[in-house]
PDB file of N, CA and C in Angstrom:
ATOM      1  N   MET A   1       0.845  -1.189   0.000  1.00  0.00           N
ATOM      2  CA  MET A   1       0.000   0.000   0.000  1.00  0.00           C
ATOM      3  C   MET A   1       0.885   1.245   0.000  1.00  0.00           C
ATOM      4  N   GLU A   2       0.463   2.207  -0.723  1.00  0.00           N
ATOM      5  CA  GLU A   2       1.209   3.450  -0.896  1.00  0.00           C
ATOM      6  C   GLU A   2       1.080   4.336   0.348  1.00  0.00           C
ATOM      7  N   THR A   3       2.221   4.909   0.780  1.00  0.00           N
ATOM      8  CA  THR A   3       2.219   5.828   1.905  1.00  0.00           C
ATOM      9  C   THR A   3       1.917   7.235   1.397  1.00  0.00           C
ATOM     10  N   VAL A   4       1.008   7.913   2.084  1.00  0.00           N
ATOM     11  CA  VAL A   4       0.612   9.260   1.677  1.00  0.00           C
ATOM     12  C   VAL A   4       1.392  10.278   2.494  1.00  0.00           C
ATOM     13  N   ASN A   5       1.957  11.259   1.808  1.00  0.00           N
ATOM     14  CA  ASN A   5       2.630  12.361   2.476  1.00  0.00           C
ATOM     15  C   ASN A   5       1.530  13.362   2.845  1.00  0.00           C
ATOM     16  N   ILE A   6       1.138  13.362   4.112  1.00  0.00           N
ATOM     17  CA  ILE A   6       0.017  14.183   4.576  1.00  0.00           C
ATOM     18  C   ILE A   6       0.257  15.660   4.316  1.00  0.00           C
ATOM     19  N   LYS A   7       1.464  16.122   4.550  1.00  0.00           N
ATOM     20  CA  LYS A   7       1.773  17.535   4.352  1.00  0.00           C
ATOM     21  C   LYS A   7       1.571  17.929   2.885  1.00  0.00           C
ATOM     22  N   GLN A   8       2.058  17.101   1.979  1.00  0.00           N
ATOM     23  CA  GLN A   8       1.901  17.377   0.555  1.00  0.00           C
ATOM     24  C   GLN A   8       0.426  17.283   0.147  1.00  0.00           C
ATOM     25  N   ALA A   9      -0.278  16.291   0.649  1.00  0.00           N
ATOM     26  CA  ALA A   9      -1.701  16.131   0.328  1.00  0.00           C
ATOM     27  C   ALA A   9      -2.511  17.319   0.852  1.00  0.00           C
ATOM     28  N   ALA A  10      -2.155  17.815   2.034  1.00  0.00           N
ATOM     29  CA  ALA A  10      -2.850  18.971   2.597  1.00  0.00           C
ATOM     30  C   ALA A  10      -2.612  20.223   1.755  1.00  0.00           C
ATOM     31  N   LYS A  11      -1.392  20.392   1.299  1.00  0.00           N
ATOM     32  CA  LYS A  11      -1.087  21.540   0.433  1.00  0.00           C
ATOM     33  C   LYS A  11      -1.889  21.473  -0.863  1.00  0.00           C
ATOM     34  N   GLN A  12      -1.972  20.273  -1.443  1.00  0.00           N
ATOM     35  CA  GLN A  12      -2.742  20.105  -2.681  1.00  0.00           C
ATOM     36  C   GLN A  12      -4.226  20.382  -2.433  1.00  0.00           C
ATOM     37  N   LEU A  13      -4.716  19.936  -1.299  1.00  0.00           N
ATOM     38  CA  LEU A  13      -6.115  20.175  -0.959  1.00  0.00           C
ATOM     39  C   LEU A  13      -6.383  21.674  -0.811  1.00  0.00           C
ATOM     40  N   ILE A  14      -5.494  22.362  -0.125  1.00  0.00           N
ATOM     41  CA  ILE A  14      -5.636  23.812   0.055  1.00  0.00           C
ATOM     42  C   ILE A  14      -5.571  24.516  -1.297  1.00  0.00           C
ATOM     43  N   ASP A  15      -4.647  24.100  -2.138  1.00  0.00           N
ATOM     44  CA  ASP A  15      -4.506  24.717  -3.463  1.00  0.00           C
ATOM     45  C   ASP A  15      -5.734  24.489  -4.345  1.00  0.00           C
ATOM     46  N   SER A  16      -6.461  23.422  -4.084  1.00  0.00           N
ATOM     47  CA  SER A  16      -7.637  23.121  -4.906  1.00  0.00           C
ATOM     48  C   SER A  16      -8.870  23.930  -4.489  1.00  0.00           C
ATOM     49  N   LEU A  17      -8.798  24.581  -3.327  1.00  0.00           N
ATOM     50  CA  LEU A  17      -9.933  25.381  -2.847  1.00  0.00           C
ATOM     51  C   LEU A  17      -9.973  26.740  -3.542  1.00  0.00           C
ATOM     52  N   PRO A  18     -11.155  27.296  -3.713  1.00  0.00           N
ATOM     53  CA  PRO A  18     -11.254  28.647  -4.277  1.00  0.00           C
ATOM     54  C   PRO A  18     -10.559  29.670  -3.370  1.00  0.00           C
ATOM     55  N   GLU A  19     -10.169  30.783  -3.958  1.00  0.00           N
ATOM     56  CA  GLU A  19      -9.449  31.824  -3.211  1.00  0.00           C
ATOM     57  C   GLU A  19     -10.251  32.386  -2.044  1.00  0.00           C
ATOM     58  N   ASN A  20     -11.559  32.413  -2.162  1.00  0.00           N
ATOM     59  CA  ASN A  20     -12.383  33.012  -1.102  1.00  0.00           C
ATOM     60  C   ASN A  20     -12.879  31.980  -0.086  1.00  0.00           C
ATOM     61  N   SER A  21     -12.186  30.834   0.028  1.00  0.00           N
ATOM     62  CA  SER A  21     -12.596  29.772   0.955  1.00  0.00           C
ATOM     63  C   SER A  21     -12.459  30.220   2.406  1.00  0.00           C
ATOM     64  N   THR A  22     -13.292  29.632   3.228  1.00  0.00           N
ATOM     65  CA  THR A  22     -13.257  29.913   4.674  1.00  0.00           C
ATOM     66  C   THR A  22     -12.589  28.749   5.395  1.00  0.00           C
ATOM     67  N   TRP A  23     -12.341  28.950   6.684  1.00  0.00           N
ATOM     68  CA  TRP A  23     -11.812  27.863   7.506  1.00  0.00           C
ATOM     69  C   TRP A  23     -12.785  26.685   7.500  1.00  0.00           C
ATOM     70  N   ASP A  24     -14.078  26.995   7.540  1.00  0.00           N
ATOM     71  CA  ASP A  24     -15.089  25.937   7.493  1.00  0.00           C
ATOM     72  C   ASP A  24     -15.001  25.147   6.192  1.00  0.00           C
ATOM     73  N   ASP A  25     -14.756  25.838   5.077  1.00  0.00           N
ATOM     74  CA  ASP A  25     -14.596  25.152   3.794  1.00  0.00           C
ATOM     75  C   ASP A  25     -13.412  24.185   3.849  1.00  0.00           C
ATOM     76  N   LEU A  26     -12.320  24.662   4.431  1.00  0.00           N
ATOM     77  CA  LEU A  26     -11.127  23.826   4.546  1.00  0.00           C
ATOM     78  C   LEU A  26     -11.393  22.615   5.441  1.00  0.00           C
ATOM     79  N   MET A  27     -12.015  22.847   6.573  1.00  0.00           N
ATOM     80  CA  MET A  27     -12.311  21.736   7.487  1.00  0.00           C
ATOM     81  C   MET A  27     -13.246  20.721   6.832  1.00  0.00           C
ATOM     82  N   TYR A  28     -14.223  21.214   6.073  1.00  0.00           N
ATOM     83  CA  TYR A  28     -15.144  20.316   5.391  1.00  0.00           C
ATOM     84  C   TYR A  28     -14.408  19.491   4.333  1.00  0.00           C
ATOM     85  N   ALA A  29     -13.524  20.134   3.584  1.00  0.00           N
ATOM     86  CA  ALA A  29     -12.755  19.429   2.559  1.00  0.00           C
ATOM     87  C   ALA A  29     -11.892  18.333   3.187  1.00  0.00           C
ATOM     88  N   ILE A  30     -11.294  18.636   4.324  1.00  0.00           N
ATOM     89  CA  ILE A  30     -10.485  17.627   5.031  1.00  0.00           C
ATOM     90  C   ILE A  30     -11.382  16.479   5.500  1.00  0.00           C
ATOM     91  N   TYR A  31     -12.539  16.820   6.056  1.00  0.00           N
ATOM     92  CA  TYR A  31     -13.482  15.800   6.525  1.00  0.00           C
ATOM     93  C   TYR A  31     -13.902  14.885   5.373  1.00  0.00           C
ATOM     94  N   VAL A  32     -14.246  15.473   4.232  1.00  0.00           N
ATOM     95  CA  VAL A  32     -14.673  14.682   3.082  1.00  0.00           C
ATOM     96  C   VAL A  32     -13.539  13.772   2.625  1.00  0.00           C
ATOM     97  N   ARG A  33     -12.352  14.311   2.559  1.00  0.00           N
ATOM     98  CA  ARG A  33     -11.196  13.512   2.121  1.00  0.00           C
ATOM     99  C   ARG A  33     -10.967  12.339   3.061  1.00  0.00           C
ATOM    100  N   GLN A  34     -11.008  12.596   4.368  1.00  0.00           N
ATOM    101  CA  GLN A  34     -10.813  11.522   5.340  1.00  0.00           C
ATOM    102  C   GLN A  34     -11.902  10.461   5.214  1.00  0.00           C
ATOM    103  N   THR A  35     -13.131  10.900   5.034  1.00  0.00           N
ATOM    104  CA  THR A  35     -14.255   9.976   4.923  1.00  0.00           C
ATOM    105  C   THR A  35     -14.122   9.094   3.683  1.00  0.00           C
ATOM    106  N   VAL A  36     -13.774   9.701   2.573  1.00  0.00           N
ATOM    107  CA  VAL A  36     -13.593   8.935   1.330  1.00  0.00           C
ATOM    108  C   VAL A  36     -12.438   7.948   1.489  1.00  0.00           C
ATOM    109  N   GLU A  37     -11.333   8.389   2.051  1.00  0.00           N
ATOM    110  CA  GLU A  37     -10.192   7.491   2.235  1.00  0.00           C
ATOM    111  C   GLU A  37     -10.533   6.337   3.161  1.00  0.00           C
ATOM    112  N   ALA A  38     -11.295   6.610   4.222  1.00  0.00           N
ATOM    113  CA  ALA A  38     -11.704   5.541   5.140  1.00  0.00           C
ATOM    114  C   ALA A  38     -12.615   4.543   4.428  1.00  0.00           C
ATOM    115  N   GLY A  39     -13.512   5.048   3.593  1.00  0.00           N
ATOM    116  CA  GLY A  39     -14.393   4.166   2.834  1.00  0.00           C
ATOM    117  C   GLY A  39     -13.631   3.298   1.853  1.00  0.00           C
ATOM    118  N   LEU A  40     -12.661   3.895   1.168  1.00  0.00           N
ATOM    119  CA  LEU A  40     -11.841   3.125   0.231  1.00  0.00           C
ATOM    120  C   LEU A  40     -11.021   2.058   0.956  1.00  0.00           C
ATOM    121  N   ALA A  41     -10.496   2.408   2.124  1.00  0.00           N
ATOM    122  CA  ALA A  41      -9.731   1.432   2.907  1.00  0.00           C
ATOM    123  C   ALA A  41     -10.632   0.281   3.363  1.00  0.00           C
ATOM    124  N   SER A  42     -11.835   0.605   3.797  1.00  0.00           N
ATOM    125  CA  SER A  42     -12.777  -0.446   4.195  1.00  0.00           C
ATOM    126  C   SER A  42     -13.105  -1.354   3.025  1.00  0.00           C
ATOM    127  N   SER A  43     -13.273  -0.761   1.875  1.00  0.00           N
ATOM    128  CA  SER A  43     -13.566  -1.535   0.667  1.00  0.00           C
ATOM    129  C   SER A  43     -12.401  -2.464   0.326  1.00  0.00           C
ATOM    130  N   ARG A  44     -11.194  -1.930   0.375  1.00  0.00           N
ATOM    131  CA  ARG A  44     -10.009  -2.755   0.093  1.00  0.00           C
ATOM    132  C   ARG A  44      -9.878  -3.910   1.077  1.00  0.00           C
ATOM    133  N   ASP A  45     -10.284  -3.663   2.336  1.00  0.00           N
ATOM    134  CA  ASP A  45     -10.175  -4.676   3.388  1.00  0.00           C
ATOM    135  C   ASP A  45     -11.361  -5.635   3.401  1.00  0.00           C
ATOM    136  N   GLY A  46     -12.284  -5.435   2.462  1.00  0.00           N
ATOM    137  CA  GLY A  46     -13.450  -6.323   2.384  1.00  0.00           C
ATOM    138  C   GLY A  46     -14.508  -6.041   3.435  1.00  0.00           C
ATOM    139  N   LYS A  47     -14.446  -4.890   4.059  1.00  0.00           N
ATOM    140  CA  LYS A  47     -15.405  -4.520   5.114  1.00  0.00           C
ATOM    141  C   LYS A  47     -16.552  -3.705   4.525  1.00  0.00           C
ATOM    142  N   ILE A  48     -17.225  -4.290   3.556  1.00  0.00           N
ATOM    143  CA  ILE A  48     -18.326  -3.597   2.905  1.00  0.00           C
ATOM    144  C   ILE A  48     -19.584  -4.452   2.987  1.00  0.00           C
ATOM    145  N   ILE A  49     -20.717  -3.826   2.830  1.00  0.00           N
ATOM    146  CA  ILE A  49     -22.001  -4.516   2.818  1.00  0.00           C
ATOM    147  C   ILE A  49     -22.576  -4.351   1.421  1.00  0.00           C
ATOM    148  N   PRO A  50     -22.926  -5.448   0.772  1.00  0.00           N
ATOM    149  CA  PRO A  50     -23.488  -5.343  -0.580  1.00  0.00           C
ATOM    150  C   PRO A  50     -24.756  -4.495  -0.597  1.00  0.00           C
ATOM    151  N   VAL A  51     -24.948  -3.758  -1.674  1.00  0.00           N
ATOM    152  CA  VAL A  51     -26.110  -2.872  -1.810  1.00  0.00           C
ATOM    153  C   VAL A  51     -27.410  -3.642  -1.617  1.00  0.00           C
ATOM    154  N   GLU A  52     -27.467  -4.841  -2.172  1.00  0.00           N
ATOM    155  CA  GLU A  52     -28.686  -5.648  -2.052  1.00  0.00           C
ATOM    156  C   GLU A  52     -29.020  -5.928  -0.589  1.00  0.00           C
ATOM    157  N   GLU A  53     -28.001  -6.202   0.214  1.00  0.00           N
ATOM    158  CA  GLU A  53     -28.216  -6.477   1.635  1.00  0.00           C
ATOM    159  C   GLU A  53     -28.710  -5.233   2.367  1.00  0.00           C
ATOM    160  N   VAL A  54     -28.165  -4.095   2.022  1.00  0.00           N
ATOM    161  CA  VAL A  54     -28.604  -2.839   2.631  1.00  0.00           C
ATOM    162  C   VAL A  54     -30.053  -2.557   2.266  1.00  0.00           C
ATOM    163  N   ALA A  55     -30.406  -2.777   0.993  1.00  0.00           N
ATOM    164  CA  ALA A  55     -31.767  -2.523   0.533  1.00  0.00           C
ATOM    165  C   ALA A  55     -32.767  -3.407   1.265  1.00  0.00           C
ATOM    166  N   VAL A  56     -32.451  -4.681   1.419  1.00  0.00           N
ATOM    167  CA  VAL A  56     -33.347  -5.602   2.129  1.00  0.00           C
ATOM    168  C   VAL A  56     -33.471  -5.178   3.578  1.00  0.00           C
ATOM    169  N   SER A  57     -32.361  -4.833   4.194  1.00  0.00           N
ATOM    170  CA  SER A  57     -32.366  -4.411   5.591  1.00  0.00           C
ATOM    171  C   SER A  57     -33.204  -3.155   5.787  1.00  0.00           C
ATOM    172  N   ALA A  58     -33.078  -2.199   4.865  1.00  0.00           N
ATOM    173  CA  ALA A  58     -33.851  -0.955   4.967  1.00  0.00           C
ATOM    174  C   ALA A  58     -35.335  -1.229   4.812  1.00  0.00           C
ATOM    175  N   LYS A  59     -35.691  -2.121   3.904  1.00  0.00           N
ATOM    176  CA  LYS A  59     -37.094  -2.452   3.677  1.00  0.00           C
ATOM    177  C   LYS A  59     -37.688  -3.116   4.915  1.00  0.00           C
ATOM    178  N   VAL A  60     -36.969  -4.078   5.487  1.00  0.00           N
ATOM    179  CA  VAL A  60     -37.443  -4.749   6.700  1.00  0.00           C
ATOM    180  C   VAL A  60     -37.567  -3.745   7.834  1.00  0.00           C
ATOM    181  N   SER A  61     -36.570  -2.902   7.968  1.00  0.00           N
ATOM    182  CA  SER A  61     -36.585  -1.897   9.024  1.00  0.00           C
ATOM    183  C   SER A  61     -37.789  -0.965   8.878  1.00  0.00           C
ATOM    184  N   PHE A  62     -38.105  -0.571   7.640  1.00  0.00           N
ATOM    185  CA  PHE A  62     -39.255   0.299   7.406  1.00  0.00           C
ATOM    186  C   PHE A  62     -40.531  -0.360   7.904  1.00  0.00           C
ATOM    187  N   TRP A  63     -40.730  -1.621   7.513  1.00  0.00           N
ATOM    188  CA  TRP A  63     -41.972  -2.303   7.903  1.00  0.00           C
ATOM    189  C   TRP A  63     -42.025  -2.561   9.407  1.00  0.00           C
ATOM    190  N   GLU A  64     -40.878  -2.826  10.024  1.00  0.00           N
ATOM    191  CA  GLU A  64     -40.838  -2.989  11.484  1.00  0.00           C
ATOM    192  C   GLU A  64     -41.217  -1.687  12.174  1.00  0.00           C
ATOM    193  N   ARG A  65     -40.685  -0.557  11.676  1.00  0.00           N
ATOM    194  CA  ARG A  65     -41.015   0.744  12.279  1.00  0.00           C
ATOM    195  C   ARG A  65     -42.477   1.084  12.047  1.00  0.00           C
ATOM    196  N   LEU A  66     -43.007   0.756  10.883  1.00  0.00           N
ATOM    197  CA  LEU A  66     -44.417   1.010  10.602  1.00  0.00           C
ATOM    198  C   LEU A  66     -45.298   0.187  11.537  1.00  0.00           C
ATOM    199  N   GLU A  67     -44.947  -1.055  11.732  1.00  0.00           N
ATOM    200  CA  GLU A  67     -45.726  -1.920  12.627  1.00  0.00           C
ATOM    201  C   GLU A  67     -45.669  -1.382  14.055  1.00  0.00           C
ATOM    202  N   GLN A  68     -44.518  -0.946  14.482  1.00  0.00           N
ATOM    203  CA  GLN A  68     -44.385  -0.364  15.819  1.00  0.00           C
ATOM    204  C   GLN A  68     -45.256   0.891  15.933  1.00  0.00           C
ATOM    205  N   PHE A  69     -45.252   1.727  14.897  1.00  0.00           N
ATOM    206  CA  PHE A  69     -46.095   2.923  14.883  1.00  0.00           C
ATOM    207  C   PHE A  69     -47.562   2.542  15.002  1.00  0.00           C
ATOM    208  N   ARG A  70     -47.950   1.520  14.234  1.00  0.00           N
ATOM    209  CA  ARG A  70     -49.348   1.070  14.263  1.00  0.00           C
ATOM    210  C   ARG A  70     -49.736   0.594  15.659  1.00  0.00           C
ATOM    211  N   GLN A  71     -48.827  -0.090  16.337  1.00  0.00           N
ATOM    212  CA  GLN A  71     -49.118  -0.613  17.671  1.00  0.00           C
ATOM    213  C   GLN A  71     -49.188   0.496  18.718  1.00  0.00           C
ATOM    214  N   GLU A  72     -48.406   1.530  18.522  1.00  0.00           N
ATOM    215  CA  GLU A  72     -48.344   2.612  19.501  1.00  0.00           C
ATOM    216  C   GLU A  72     -49.362   3.711  19.253  1.00  0.00           C
ATOM    217  N   ASN A  73     -49.980   3.739  18.064  1.00  0.00           N
ATOM    218  CA  ASN A  73     -50.894   4.817  17.699  1.00  0.00           C
ATOM    219  C   ASN A  73     -52.159   4.258  17.070  1.00  0.00           C
ATOM    220  N   ASN A  74     -53.191   5.033  17.170  1.00  0.00           N
ATOM    221  CA  ASN A  74     -54.432   4.703  16.478  1.00  0.00           C
ATOM    222  C   ASN A  74     -54.337   5.338  15.098  1.00  0.00           C
ATOM    223  N   VAL A  75     -53.984   4.514  14.087  1.00  0.00           N
ATOM    224  CA  VAL A  75     -53.748   5.058  12.755  1.00  0.00           C
ATOM    225  C   VAL A  75     -55.007   5.676  12.154  1.00  0.00           C
ATOM    226  N   GLU A  76     -56.153   5.177  12.544  1.00  0.00           N
ATOM    227  CA  GLU A  76     -57.399   5.739  12.022  1.00  0.00           C
ATOM    228  C   GLU A  76     -57.576   7.177  12.491  1.00  0.00           C
ATOM    229  N   GLU A  77     -56.985   7.491  13.626  1.00  0.00           N
ATOM    230  CA  GLU A  77     -57.010   8.858  14.159  1.00  0.00           C
ATOM    231  C   GLU A  77     -56.304   9.817  13.196  1.00  0.00           C
ATOM    232  N   PHE A  78     -55.337   9.294  12.463  1.00  0.00           N
ATOM    233  CA  PHE A  78     -54.594  10.093  11.491  1.00  0.00           C
ATOM    234  C   PHE A  78     -55.243  10.046  10.118  1.00  0.00           C
ATOM    235  N   GLY A  79     -56.384   9.397  10.019  1.00  0.00           N
ATOM    236  CA  GLY A  79     -57.075   9.286   8.739  1.00  0.00           C
ATOM    237  C   GLY A  79     -56.515   8.190   7.852  1.00  0.00           C
ATOM    238  N   ILE A  80     -55.799   7.230   8.464  1.00  0.00           N
ATOM    239  CA  ILE A  80     -55.210   6.134   7.706  1.00  0.00           C
ATOM    240  C   ILE A  80     -55.987   4.863   8.030  1.00  0.00           C
ATOM    241  N   ASP A  81     -56.568   4.278   6.999  1.00  0.00           N
ATOM    242  CA  ASP A  81     -57.305   3.027   7.167  1.00  0.00           C
ATOM    243  C   ASP A  81     -56.297   1.892   7.356  1.00  0.00           C
ATOM    244  N   ASP A  82     -56.514   1.069   8.365  1.00  0.00           N
ATOM    245  CA  ASP A  82     -55.602  -0.031   8.659  1.00  0.00           C
ATOM    246  C   ASP A  82     -55.455  -0.971   7.463  1.00  0.00           C
ATOM    247  N   ASP A  83     -56.519  -1.174   6.712  1.00  0.00           N
ATOM    248  CA  ASP A  83     -56.460  -2.036   5.531  1.00  0.00           C
ATOM    249  C   ASP A  83     -55.558  -1.439   4.450  1.00  0.00           C
ATOM    250  N   PHE A  84     -55.477  -0.137   4.404  1.00  0.00           N
ATOM    251  CA  PHE A  84     -54.603   0.527   3.437  1.00  0.00           C
ATOM    252  C   PHE A  84     -53.150   0.132   3.682  1.00  0.00           C
ATOM    253  N   LEU A  85     -52.728   0.115   4.948  1.00  0.00           N
ATOM    254  CA  LEU A  85     -51.349  -0.256   5.277  1.00  0.00           C
ATOM    255  C   LEU A  85     -51.091  -1.703   4.922  1.00  0.00           C
ATOM    256  N   GLU A  86     -52.044  -2.570   5.171  1.00  0.00           N
ATOM    257  CA  GLU A  86     -51.893  -3.974   4.807  1.00  0.00           C
ATOM    258  C   GLU A  86     -51.749  -4.122   3.293  1.00  0.00           C
ATOM    259  N   GLY A  87     -52.540  -3.332   2.546  1.00  0.00           N
ATOM    260  CA  GLY A  87     -52.443  -3.364   1.096  1.00  0.00           C
ATOM    261  C   GLY A  87     -51.071  -2.948   0.605  1.00  0.00           C
ATOM    262  N   LEU A  88     -50.482  -1.940   1.242  1.00  0.00           N
ATOM    263  CA  LEU A  88     -49.130  -1.516   0.877  1.00  0.00           C
ATOM    264  C   LEU A  88     -48.138  -2.645   1.112  1.00  0.00           C
ATOM    265  N   ARG A  89     -48.273  -3.294   2.254  1.00  0.00           N
ATOM    266  CA  ARG A  89     -47.343  -4.396   2.580  1.00  0.00           C
ATOM    267  C   ARG A  89     -47.474  -5.506   1.538  1.00  0.00           C
ATOM    268  N   ASP A  90     -48.696  -5.850   1.176  1.00  0.00           N
ATOM    269  CA  ASP A  90     -48.920  -6.921   0.188  1.00  0.00           C
ATOM    270  C   ASP A  90     -48.294  -6.574  -1.153  1.00  0.00           C
ATOM    271  N   LYS A  91     -48.398  -5.325  -1.561  1.00  0.00           N
ATOM    272  CA  LYS A  91     -47.849  -4.901  -2.854  1.00  0.00           C
ATOM    273  C   LYS A  91     -46.325  -4.874  -2.852  1.00  0.00           C
ATOM    274  N   SER A  92     -45.725  -4.716  -1.681  1.00  0.00           N
ATOM    275  CA  SER A  92     -44.258  -4.575  -1.619  1.00  0.00           C
ATOM    276  C   SER A  92     -43.542  -5.911  -1.668  1.00  0.00           C
ATOM    277  N   HIS A  93     -44.238  -6.992  -1.478  1.00  0.00           N
ATOM    278  CA  HIS A  93     -43.573  -8.313  -1.466  1.00  0.00           C
ATOM    279  C   HIS A  93     -43.456  -8.913  -2.811  1.00  0.00           C
TER     280      HIS A  93
END
């Protein structure tokens, strides 16, 4: 793996910013760079979750949260027919 010269990379990052940049702009650029590098390192190390797995997890999580909402609230009070929610669930499978 290639070693990065942080001082040189920081200079290049600063040089890439517009002349009227603020300290906040610089800090944000550093944050974005660190985040991207961390993501790339995780990817190289195989520490990633396939998109399909994330999508399934998000879908299950949505329906779990909806069911919890239904149990904690009277959905008809909000003008939502309980059968309507069941119909949505049926269509999503």
